[in-house]
C-alpha cells in the first residue's frame, strides 16, 4: 500500500543506516513500474499534509535503479519552508521537484543503473543518510550518490515510505553524526 511509518521523535545531526530489499512486484497503478519507496527526513508539520499521505520533508528516494535521488516533499505556502541547494542551484518549497535532483524522469520508465549498482530484487542493499547541520548526503552500498547543502529545516521526524511495491527493511540504525563511522564501516 501507499503510506508510511513515522518516528515519534525528531532528529538532528545523525547518520541513518538501513538495509532494504525488494520482495515482489508493484500492485495496482504501480504494477509494471519501477519499484518505489523512500526514507523521508527532517519531516515537520501535520501527518498526511502532502496529498493526504506524508509529512512535509526531504526524501531519499528508494526508486529501483535510481536509489538516492532527492525530493522536496512540500507545498508552496506551507507553514514550514523547505529549501535546499543542489549542485549550486537553490530550490524552495517545490512540490516533488525533479529537475537536477534525479538522474532521469521516473514515471513509466525502465530502471536505469545507479553507480554503485543496486543489488537485484531479493538481495539486501545498505542505504545511509548523513545529516550534519544544513547538509545531507545519501550513500548506496557505501558510495555517495547525492549531496545537498543549505537545507531548511535542519531537523525533524523520520518516515519510512511505501509506494505500492513490497519492500522489507532491517537493521535500521540512527547514530549522532559526529560519532558515526564512515559509510560502509558499520558492524553488521
N, C-alpha and C. Protein backbone atom coordinates (compact mmCIF):
# COMPACT_ATOMS: atom_id res chain seq x y z
N UNK A 1 0.83 -1.18 0.00
CA UNK A 1 0.00 0.00 0.00
C UNK A 1 0.87 1.24 0.00
N UNK A 2 0.25 2.37 -0.28
CA UNK A 2 0.95 3.64 -0.20
C UNK A 2 0.74 4.19 1.20
N UNK A 3 1.83 4.55 1.86
CA UNK A 3 1.75 5.06 3.22
C UNK A 3 3.13 5.08 3.84
N UNK A 4 3.18 5.04 5.17
CA UNK A 4 4.48 5.04 5.81
C UNK A 4 4.40 4.93 7.31
N UNK A 5 5.57 4.77 7.90
CA UNK A 5 5.76 4.75 9.35
C UNK A 5 6.51 6.02 9.73
N UNK A 6 6.10 6.67 10.82
CA UNK A 6 6.71 7.92 11.24
C UNK A 6 7.29 7.79 12.64
N UNK A 7 8.51 8.28 12.84
CA UNK A 7 9.13 8.24 14.17
C UNK A 7 8.37 9.15 15.13
N UNK A 8 8.45 8.82 16.39
CA UNK A 8 7.81 9.66 17.40
C UNK A 8 8.64 10.88 17.73
N UNK A 9 9.96 10.77 17.61
CA UNK A 9 10.82 11.90 17.96
C UNK A 9 11.49 12.50 16.74
N UNK A 10 12.05 13.66 16.96
CA UNK A 10 12.73 14.42 15.93
C UNK A 10 14.24 14.16 16.02
N UNK A 11 14.95 14.26 14.89
CA UNK A 11 16.39 14.01 14.86
C UNK A 11 17.12 15.16 14.17
N UNK A 12 18.37 15.40 14.61
CA UNK A 12 19.24 16.42 14.03
C UNK A 12 20.67 15.88 14.12
N UNK A 13 21.50 16.15 13.13
CA UNK A 13 22.90 15.72 13.12
C UNK A 13 23.03 14.23 13.39
N UNK A 14 22.70 13.44 12.38
CA UNK A 14 22.67 11.98 12.56
C UNK A 14 23.09 11.27 11.29
N UNK A 15 23.37 9.99 11.48
CA UNK A 15 23.60 9.06 10.37
C UNK A 15 22.56 7.96 10.52
N UNK A 16 21.69 7.84 9.52
CA UNK A 16 20.69 6.78 9.50
C UNK A 16 21.19 5.72 8.53
N UNK A 17 21.23 4.48 8.99
CA UNK A 17 21.63 3.36 8.14
C UNK A 17 20.47 2.36 8.14
N UNK A 18 20.08 1.92 6.96
CA UNK A 18 19.01 0.94 6.84
C UNK A 18 19.34 -0.03 5.72
N UNK A 19 19.05 -1.28 5.94
CA UNK A 19 19.15 -2.27 4.88
C UNK A 19 17.74 -2.51 4.34
N UNK A 20 17.64 -2.65 3.02
CA UNK A 20 16.34 -2.89 2.39
C UNK A 20 16.51 -3.87 1.24
N UNK A 21 15.39 -4.48 0.88
CA UNK A 21 15.37 -5.31 -0.34
C UNK A 21 13.96 -5.32 -0.88
N UNK A 22 13.87 -5.45 -2.20
CA UNK A 22 12.59 -5.60 -2.88
C UNK A 22 12.19 -7.06 -2.81
N UNK A 23 10.90 -7.33 -2.55
CA UNK A 23 10.46 -8.72 -2.39
C UNK A 23 9.23 -9.05 -3.24
N UNK A 24 9.00 -8.32 -4.29
CA UNK A 24 7.86 -8.61 -5.16
C UNK A 24 7.72 -7.52 -6.21
N UNK A 25 6.59 -7.52 -6.88
CA UNK A 25 6.34 -6.54 -7.92
C UNK A 25 5.25 -5.57 -7.48
N UNK A 26 5.14 -4.46 -8.20
CA UNK A 26 4.16 -3.44 -7.87
C UNK A 26 2.74 -3.94 -7.98
N UNK A 27 1.86 -3.26 -7.25
CA UNK A 27 0.44 -3.61 -7.28
C UNK A 27 -0.36 -2.40 -7.69
N UNK A 28 -1.60 -2.63 -8.13
CA UNK A 28 -2.48 -1.54 -8.51
C UNK A 28 -1.89 -0.69 -9.61
N UNK A 29 -1.99 0.63 -9.47
CA UNK A 29 -1.49 1.54 -10.51
C UNK A 29 0.03 1.51 -10.64
N UNK A 30 0.73 0.91 -9.69
CA UNK A 30 2.20 0.82 -9.74
C UNK A 30 2.67 -0.48 -10.39
N UNK A 31 1.75 -1.35 -10.77
CA UNK A 31 2.12 -2.62 -11.40
C UNK A 31 2.88 -2.35 -12.69
N UNK A 32 4.01 -3.04 -12.86
CA UNK A 32 4.81 -2.91 -14.06
C UNK A 32 5.76 -1.72 -14.07
N UNK A 33 5.72 -0.89 -13.03
CA UNK A 33 6.60 0.28 -12.95
C UNK A 33 7.81 -0.05 -12.07
N UNK A 34 8.83 0.78 -12.12
CA UNK A 34 10.00 0.61 -11.27
C UNK A 34 9.56 0.63 -9.80
N UNK A 35 10.13 -0.26 -9.00
CA UNK A 35 9.81 -0.33 -7.57
C UNK A 35 10.16 0.99 -6.90
N UNK A 36 9.29 1.44 -5.98
CA UNK A 36 9.42 2.78 -5.42
C UNK A 36 9.08 2.78 -3.93
N UNK A 37 9.93 3.42 -3.15
CA UNK A 37 9.72 3.65 -1.71
C UNK A 37 10.61 4.82 -1.34
N UNK A 38 10.86 5.05 -0.06
CA UNK A 38 11.76 6.12 0.32
C UNK A 38 11.90 6.26 1.81
N UNK A 39 12.89 7.04 2.20
CA UNK A 39 13.05 7.46 3.59
C UNK A 39 12.96 8.97 3.58
N UNK A 40 11.97 9.49 4.29
CA UNK A 40 11.74 10.93 4.37
C UNK A 40 12.33 11.42 5.68
N UNK A 41 13.07 12.53 5.61
CA UNK A 41 13.74 13.03 6.80
C UNK A 41 13.50 14.52 6.95
N UNK A 42 13.79 15.01 8.16
CA UNK A 42 13.51 16.40 8.54
C UNK A 42 12.02 16.69 8.36
N UNK A 43 11.20 15.68 8.63
CA UNK A 43 9.75 15.79 8.47
C UNK A 43 9.16 16.67 9.57
N UNK A 44 8.32 17.62 9.16
CA UNK A 44 7.70 18.53 10.11
C UNK A 44 6.27 18.80 9.70
N UNK A 45 5.53 19.35 10.66
CA UNK A 45 4.15 19.72 10.38
C UNK A 45 3.21 18.57 10.64
N UNK A 46 2.07 18.64 9.99
CA UNK A 46 0.99 17.67 10.21
C UNK A 46 1.24 16.38 9.44
N UNK A 47 0.81 15.26 10.06
CA UNK A 47 0.77 14.00 9.32
C UNK A 47 -0.18 14.17 8.14
N UNK A 48 0.11 13.52 7.05
CA UNK A 48 -0.75 13.49 5.86
C UNK A 48 -0.90 14.85 5.17
N UNK A 49 0.01 15.80 5.43
CA UNK A 49 -0.11 17.15 4.86
C UNK A 49 0.11 17.15 3.34
N UNK A 50 0.96 16.26 2.83
CA UNK A 50 1.22 16.23 1.40
C UNK A 50 0.27 15.22 0.74
N UNK A 51 -0.74 15.71 0.10
CA UNK A 51 -1.71 14.89 -0.63
C UNK A 51 -2.30 13.76 0.22
N UNK A 52 -2.47 14.01 1.50
CA UNK A 52 -3.07 13.02 2.39
C UNK A 52 -2.20 11.81 2.67
N UNK A 53 -0.89 11.91 2.39
CA UNK A 53 -0.01 10.75 2.55
C UNK A 53 1.12 10.96 3.56
N UNK A 54 1.95 11.98 3.35
CA UNK A 54 3.16 12.12 4.16
C UNK A 54 3.30 13.53 4.72
N UNK A 55 4.20 13.65 5.69
CA UNK A 55 4.53 14.96 6.24
C UNK A 55 5.45 15.69 5.27
N UNK A 56 5.49 17.02 5.36
CA UNK A 56 6.45 17.78 4.57
C UNK A 56 7.85 17.36 4.99
N UNK A 57 8.74 17.18 4.03
CA UNK A 57 10.04 16.58 4.34
C UNK A 57 10.97 16.64 3.13
N UNK A 58 12.18 16.15 3.36
CA UNK A 58 13.11 15.82 2.28
C UNK A 58 13.05 14.31 2.13
N UNK A 59 13.19 13.83 0.89
CA UNK A 59 13.13 12.39 0.67
C UNK A 59 14.40 11.87 0.01
N UNK A 60 14.93 10.79 0.59
CA UNK A 60 15.94 9.98 -0.08
C UNK A 60 15.13 8.88 -0.76
N UNK A 61 14.97 9.02 -2.06
CA UNK A 61 14.11 8.10 -2.81
C UNK A 61 14.78 6.73 -2.93
N UNK A 62 14.01 5.71 -2.70
CA UNK A 62 14.46 4.33 -2.94
C UNK A 62 13.69 3.87 -4.16
N UNK A 63 14.13 4.33 -5.30
CA UNK A 63 13.48 4.04 -6.57
C UNK A 63 14.38 3.09 -7.34
N UNK A 64 13.86 1.96 -7.72
CA UNK A 64 14.64 0.93 -8.38
C UNK A 64 15.47 1.51 -9.52
N UNK A 65 16.78 1.34 -9.42
CA UNK A 65 17.69 1.83 -10.44
C UNK A 65 18.17 3.25 -10.21
N UNK A 66 17.55 3.99 -9.30
CA UNK A 66 17.94 5.38 -9.06
C UNK A 66 17.89 5.71 -7.56
N UNK A 67 18.34 4.78 -6.74
CA UNK A 67 18.31 4.97 -5.29
C UNK A 67 19.20 6.15 -4.91
N UNK A 68 18.67 6.97 -4.02
CA UNK A 68 19.42 8.12 -3.52
C UNK A 68 18.98 9.43 -4.10
N UNK A 69 18.12 9.41 -5.10
CA UNK A 69 17.60 10.66 -5.65
C UNK A 69 16.88 11.44 -4.55
N UNK A 70 16.78 12.74 -4.70
CA UNK A 70 16.30 13.66 -3.66
C UNK A 70 15.03 14.35 -4.11
N UNK A 71 14.07 14.43 -3.21
CA UNK A 71 12.80 15.10 -3.49
C UNK A 71 12.46 16.01 -2.32
N UNK A 72 11.98 17.20 -2.59
CA UNK A 72 11.39 18.05 -1.56
C UNK A 72 9.90 17.74 -1.56
N UNK A 73 9.43 17.15 -0.47
CA UNK A 73 8.01 16.80 -0.33
C UNK A 73 7.36 17.94 0.45
N UNK A 74 6.83 18.91 -0.25
CA UNK A 74 6.28 20.09 0.39
C UNK A 74 5.24 20.72 -0.53
N UNK A 75 4.64 21.75 -0.05
CA UNK A 75 3.70 22.50 -0.87
C UNK A 75 4.01 23.98 -0.71
N UNK A 76 3.88 24.72 -1.78
CA UNK A 76 4.12 26.16 -1.71
C UNK A 76 3.18 26.77 -0.69
N UNK A 77 3.70 27.71 0.07
CA UNK A 77 2.88 28.42 1.04
C UNK A 77 2.63 27.66 2.32
N UNK A 78 3.31 26.53 2.54
CA UNK A 78 3.10 25.79 3.78
C UNK A 78 3.76 26.53 4.94
N UNK A 79 3.33 26.27 6.18
CA UNK A 79 3.92 26.97 7.32
C UNK A 79 5.40 26.64 7.53
N UNK A 80 5.84 25.48 7.06
CA UNK A 80 7.24 25.09 7.15
C UNK A 80 7.86 25.30 5.77
N UNK A 81 8.88 26.14 5.67
CA UNK A 81 9.53 26.44 4.38
C UNK A 81 10.65 25.44 4.15
N UNK A 82 10.57 24.67 3.09
CA UNK A 82 11.62 23.72 2.74
C UNK A 82 12.48 24.29 1.63
N UNK A 83 13.80 24.21 1.82
CA UNK A 83 14.73 24.73 0.83
C UNK A 83 15.99 23.88 0.82
N UNK A 84 16.67 23.84 -0.33
CA UNK A 84 17.92 23.10 -0.47
C UNK A 84 18.71 23.68 -1.62
N UNK A 85 20.02 23.48 -1.57
CA UNK A 85 20.89 23.82 -2.70
C UNK A 85 21.51 22.53 -3.20
N UNK A 86 21.30 22.26 -4.48
CA UNK A 86 21.81 21.05 -5.11
C UNK A 86 22.62 21.46 -6.33
N UNK A 87 23.88 21.08 -6.35
CA UNK A 87 24.73 21.41 -7.49
C UNK A 87 24.80 22.90 -7.77
N UNK A 88 24.78 23.72 -6.72
CA UNK A 88 24.88 25.16 -6.87
C UNK A 88 23.57 25.85 -7.21
N UNK A 89 22.48 25.10 -7.35
CA UNK A 89 21.18 25.67 -7.69
C UNK A 89 20.24 25.58 -6.49
N UNK A 90 19.58 26.68 -6.13
CA UNK A 90 18.70 26.72 -4.97
C UNK A 90 17.27 26.38 -5.35
N UNK A 91 16.59 25.64 -4.47
CA UNK A 91 15.20 25.28 -4.64
C UNK A 91 14.45 25.57 -3.35
N UNK A 92 13.26 26.14 -3.46
CA UNK A 92 12.46 26.49 -2.29
C UNK A 92 11.03 26.03 -2.48
N UNK A 93 10.50 25.31 -1.48
CA UNK A 93 9.09 24.92 -1.43
C UNK A 93 8.54 24.41 -2.76
N UNK A 94 9.30 23.60 -3.44
CA UNK A 94 8.81 23.00 -4.67
C UNK A 94 8.20 21.66 -4.32
N UNK A 95 7.05 21.38 -4.84
CA UNK A 95 6.37 20.13 -4.57
C UNK A 95 6.85 19.07 -5.57
N UNK A 96 7.54 18.06 -5.07
CA UNK A 96 8.09 16.99 -5.90
C UNK A 96 8.97 17.53 -7.03
N UNK A 97 9.92 18.35 -6.68
CA UNK A 97 10.87 18.87 -7.66
C UNK A 97 11.65 17.70 -8.24
N UNK A 98 11.78 17.66 -9.54
CA UNK A 98 12.54 16.56 -10.13
C UNK A 98 13.76 17.04 -10.89
N UNK A 99 13.79 18.29 -11.33
CA UNK A 99 14.95 18.72 -12.12
C UNK A 99 16.18 18.83 -11.22
N UNK A 100 17.30 18.36 -11.73
CA UNK A 100 18.60 18.36 -11.08
C UNK A 100 18.72 17.36 -9.93
N UNK A 101 17.62 16.92 -9.36
CA UNK A 101 17.71 16.02 -8.21
C UNK A 101 17.74 14.56 -8.64
N UNK A 102 17.19 14.26 -9.81
CA UNK A 102 17.09 12.88 -10.26
C UNK A 102 17.95 12.70 -11.50
N UNK A 103 18.36 11.47 -11.71
CA UNK A 103 19.15 11.18 -12.90
C UNK A 103 18.29 11.08 -14.15
N UNK A 104 16.99 10.90 -14.00
CA UNK A 104 16.06 10.91 -15.14
C UNK A 104 14.64 10.88 -14.63
N UNK A 105 13.70 11.16 -15.48
CA UNK A 105 12.29 11.06 -15.12
C UNK A 105 11.99 9.62 -14.74
N UNK A 106 11.15 9.42 -13.71
CA UNK A 106 10.91 8.07 -13.20
C UNK A 106 9.55 7.50 -13.57
N UNK A 107 8.66 8.30 -14.07
CA UNK A 107 7.33 7.79 -14.40
C UNK A 107 7.38 6.90 -15.64
N UNK A 108 6.90 5.70 -15.49
CA UNK A 108 6.74 4.77 -16.62
C UNK A 108 8.00 4.54 -17.42
N UNK A 109 9.12 4.41 -16.73
CA UNK A 109 10.38 4.16 -17.44
C UNK A 109 11.01 2.88 -16.91
N UNK A 110 11.90 2.34 -17.70
CA UNK A 110 12.68 1.19 -17.26
C UNK A 110 13.76 1.70 -16.31
N UNK A 111 14.08 0.94 -15.26
CA UNK A 111 15.12 1.37 -14.34
C UNK A 111 16.45 1.56 -15.05
N UNK A 112 17.14 2.62 -14.71
CA UNK A 112 18.48 2.88 -15.24
C UNK A 112 19.49 2.59 -14.14
N UNK A 113 20.71 2.20 -14.49
CA UNK A 113 21.67 1.80 -13.47
C UNK A 113 22.10 2.96 -12.57
N UNK A 114 22.24 2.63 -11.29
CA UNK A 114 22.81 3.54 -10.31
C UNK A 114 24.25 3.12 -10.10
N UNK A 115 25.14 4.04 -9.87
CA UNK A 115 26.52 3.71 -9.56
C UNK A 115 26.75 4.07 -8.11
N UNK A 116 27.05 3.13 -7.21
CA UNK A 116 27.23 1.71 -7.49
C UNK A 116 25.88 1.06 -7.75
N UNK A 117 25.91 -0.09 -8.40
CA UNK A 117 24.64 -0.72 -8.72
C UNK A 117 23.89 -1.18 -7.47
N UNK A 118 22.58 -1.00 -7.54
CA UNK A 118 21.70 -1.56 -6.52
C UNK A 118 21.70 -3.08 -6.76
N UNK A 119 21.67 -3.84 -5.69
CA UNK A 119 21.64 -5.29 -5.83
C UNK A 119 20.28 -5.74 -6.36
N UNK A 120 20.21 -6.88 -7.01
CA UNK A 120 18.95 -7.36 -7.61
C UNK A 120 17.86 -7.57 -6.57
N UNK A 121 16.62 -7.56 -7.04
CA UNK A 121 15.45 -7.81 -6.19
C UNK A 121 15.70 -9.07 -5.36
N UNK A 122 15.37 -8.99 -4.07
CA UNK A 122 15.57 -10.11 -3.15
C UNK A 122 16.87 -10.05 -2.38
N UNK A 123 17.84 -9.25 -2.85
CA UNK A 123 19.12 -9.11 -2.15
C UNK A 123 19.14 -7.81 -1.35
N UNK A 124 19.85 -7.82 -0.22
CA UNK A 124 19.91 -6.67 0.68
C UNK A 124 20.85 -5.58 0.17
N UNK A 125 20.43 -4.34 0.29
CA UNK A 125 21.22 -3.14 -0.02
C UNK A 125 21.34 -2.32 1.26
N UNK A 126 22.41 -1.54 1.37
CA UNK A 126 22.59 -0.65 2.51
C UNK A 126 22.45 0.78 2.04
N UNK A 127 21.53 1.50 2.67
CA UNK A 127 21.28 2.91 2.38
C UNK A 127 21.65 3.72 3.61
N UNK A 128 22.41 4.79 3.42
CA UNK A 128 22.78 5.67 4.53
C UNK A 128 22.44 7.10 4.18
N UNK A 129 21.89 7.81 5.16
CA UNK A 129 21.61 9.24 5.05
C UNK A 129 22.37 9.91 6.16
N UNK A 130 23.27 10.84 5.80
CA UNK A 130 24.08 11.54 6.79
C UNK A 130 23.68 13.01 6.77
N UNK A 131 23.18 13.50 7.89
CA UNK A 131 22.76 14.89 8.04
C UNK A 131 23.61 15.55 9.11
N UNK A 132 24.33 16.60 8.71
CA UNK A 132 25.14 17.39 9.64
C UNK A 132 24.83 18.85 9.38
N UNK A 133 24.33 19.54 10.41
CA UNK A 133 23.98 20.94 10.22
C UNK A 133 23.00 21.09 9.08
N UNK A 134 23.34 21.91 8.08
CA UNK A 134 22.43 22.13 6.95
C UNK A 134 22.82 21.34 5.71
N UNK A 135 23.53 20.21 5.90
CA UNK A 135 23.92 19.38 4.76
C UNK A 135 23.31 17.99 4.87
N UNK A 136 23.18 17.32 3.73
CA UNK A 136 22.73 15.93 3.70
C UNK A 136 23.47 15.20 2.59
N UNK A 137 23.80 13.94 2.86
CA UNK A 137 24.43 13.08 1.87
C UNK A 137 23.71 11.74 1.89
N UNK A 138 23.55 11.14 0.70
CA UNK A 138 22.93 9.83 0.56
C UNK A 138 23.99 8.87 0.04
N UNK A 139 24.08 7.69 0.65
CA UNK A 139 25.04 6.66 0.25
C UNK A 139 24.29 5.38 -0.08
N UNK A 140 24.68 4.72 -1.15
CA UNK A 140 24.15 3.41 -1.51
C UNK A 140 25.31 2.43 -1.51
N UNK A 141 25.19 1.40 -0.70
CA UNK A 141 26.22 0.36 -0.60
C UNK A 141 27.61 0.95 -0.44
N UNK A 142 27.70 1.99 0.42
CA UNK A 142 28.98 2.58 0.78
C UNK A 142 29.50 3.68 -0.14
N UNK A 143 28.80 4.02 -1.20
CA UNK A 143 29.25 5.04 -2.16
C UNK A 143 28.26 6.21 -2.16
N UNK A 144 28.80 7.44 -2.05
CA UNK A 144 27.92 8.61 -2.07
C UNK A 144 27.29 8.79 -3.44
N UNK A 145 25.95 8.93 -3.45
CA UNK A 145 25.22 9.10 -4.71
C UNK A 145 24.52 10.46 -4.78
N UNK A 146 24.51 11.23 -3.67
CA UNK A 146 23.85 12.53 -3.67
C UNK A 146 24.34 13.36 -2.50
N UNK A 147 24.40 14.69 -2.71
CA UNK A 147 24.67 15.61 -1.60
C UNK A 147 23.95 16.93 -1.84
N UNK A 148 23.55 17.56 -0.75
CA UNK A 148 22.88 18.86 -0.79
C UNK A 148 23.36 19.68 0.40
N UNK A 149 23.22 20.98 0.28
CA UNK A 149 23.57 21.86 1.39
C UNK A 149 22.53 22.96 1.50
N UNK A 150 22.68 23.74 2.55
CA UNK A 150 21.73 24.82 2.85
C UNK A 150 20.30 24.30 2.98
N UNK A 151 20.16 23.15 3.64
CA UNK A 151 18.83 22.60 3.88
C UNK A 151 18.10 23.41 4.94
N UNK A 152 16.85 23.65 4.71
CA UNK A 152 15.96 24.26 5.70
C UNK A 152 14.66 23.47 5.65
N UNK A 153 14.23 22.89 6.75
CA UNK A 153 14.79 22.87 8.09
C UNK A 153 15.93 21.86 8.21
N UNK A 154 16.62 21.88 9.35
CA UNK A 154 17.79 21.02 9.58
C UNK A 154 17.50 19.88 10.55
N UNK A 155 16.24 19.67 10.89
CA UNK A 155 15.89 18.59 11.80
C UNK A 155 14.43 18.22 11.59
N UNK A 156 14.05 17.08 12.14
CA UNK A 156 12.66 16.66 12.06
C UNK A 156 12.52 15.17 12.26
N UNK A 157 11.30 14.70 12.12
CA UNK A 157 11.00 13.29 12.29
C UNK A 157 11.39 12.52 11.03
N UNK A 158 11.41 11.20 11.14
CA UNK A 158 11.74 10.31 10.03
C UNK A 158 10.49 9.55 9.62
N UNK A 159 10.37 9.28 8.31
CA UNK A 159 9.27 8.48 7.79
C UNK A 159 9.83 7.42 6.85
N UNK A 160 9.39 6.19 7.01
CA UNK A 160 9.73 5.13 6.07
C UNK A 160 8.51 4.97 5.17
N UNK A 161 8.73 5.18 3.88
CA UNK A 161 7.64 5.31 2.92
C UNK A 161 7.47 4.05 2.09
N UNK A 162 6.23 3.75 1.78
CA UNK A 162 5.88 2.67 0.86
C UNK A 162 5.03 3.25 -0.26
N UNK A 163 5.31 2.81 -1.50
CA UNK A 163 4.53 3.32 -2.63
C UNK A 163 4.09 2.21 -3.57
N UNK A 164 3.45 1.18 -3.00
CA UNK A 164 2.84 0.16 -3.84
C UNK A 164 3.75 -0.96 -4.31
N UNK A 165 4.95 -1.09 -3.70
CA UNK A 165 5.84 -2.19 -4.04
C UNK A 165 6.28 -2.88 -2.75
N UNK A 166 6.23 -4.21 -2.70
CA UNK A 166 6.68 -4.91 -1.50
C UNK A 166 8.17 -4.67 -1.25
N UNK A 167 8.49 -4.16 -0.06
CA UNK A 167 9.86 -3.87 0.35
C UNK A 167 10.01 -4.27 1.81
N UNK A 168 11.19 -4.77 2.16
CA UNK A 168 11.49 -5.11 3.54
C UNK A 168 12.68 -4.26 4.00
N UNK A 169 12.64 -3.87 5.27
CA UNK A 169 13.74 -3.15 5.90
C UNK A 169 14.24 -3.98 7.08
N UNK A 170 15.53 -3.86 7.38
CA UNK A 170 16.11 -4.47 8.57
C UNK A 170 17.29 -3.62 9.01
N UNK A 171 17.73 -3.84 10.23
CA UNK A 171 18.91 -3.18 10.79
C UNK A 171 18.87 -1.67 10.59
N UNK A 172 17.80 -1.07 10.98
CA UNK A 172 17.70 0.39 10.92
C UNK A 172 18.43 0.95 12.14
N UNK A 173 19.40 1.81 11.91
CA UNK A 173 20.26 2.32 12.98
C UNK A 173 20.39 3.84 12.83
N UNK A 174 20.25 4.56 13.92
CA UNK A 174 20.42 6.01 13.91
C UNK A 174 21.46 6.36 14.96
N UNK A 175 22.51 7.07 14.53
CA UNK A 175 23.58 7.50 15.43
C UNK A 175 23.86 8.97 15.23
N UNK A 176 24.41 9.60 16.26
CA UNK A 176 24.83 11.00 16.11
C UNK A 176 25.89 11.08 15.02
N UNK A 177 25.80 12.07 14.18
CA UNK A 177 26.72 12.20 13.04
C UNK A 177 28.16 12.37 13.50
N UNK A 178 28.41 13.10 14.58
CA UNK A 178 29.79 13.34 14.99
C UNK A 178 30.48 12.08 15.51
N UNK A 179 29.71 11.05 15.92
CA UNK A 179 30.33 9.83 16.42
C UNK A 179 30.20 8.67 15.44
N UNK A 180 29.59 8.92 14.30
CA UNK A 180 29.35 7.84 13.34
C UNK A 180 30.62 7.50 12.57
N UNK A 181 30.69 6.26 12.12
CA UNK A 181 31.83 5.81 11.31
C UNK A 181 31.58 6.16 9.85
N UNK A 182 32.56 5.95 9.01
CA UNK A 182 32.44 6.22 7.58
C UNK A 182 31.44 5.27 6.94
N UNK A 183 30.84 5.66 5.81
CA UNK A 183 29.87 4.80 5.12
C UNK A 183 30.44 3.41 4.85
N UNK A 184 29.61 2.41 5.05
CA UNK A 184 30.01 1.04 4.79
C UNK A 184 30.83 0.43 5.90
N UNK A 185 31.15 1.20 6.95
CA UNK A 185 32.02 0.71 8.01
C UNK A 185 31.29 0.27 9.26
N UNK A 186 29.98 0.20 9.24
CA UNK A 186 29.24 -0.22 10.43
C UNK A 186 29.35 -1.73 10.59
N UNK A 187 29.48 -2.17 11.84
CA UNK A 187 29.49 -3.60 12.11
C UNK A 187 28.11 -4.17 11.83
N UNK A 188 28.06 -5.26 11.13
CA UNK A 188 26.77 -5.87 10.78
C UNK A 188 26.43 -6.94 11.78
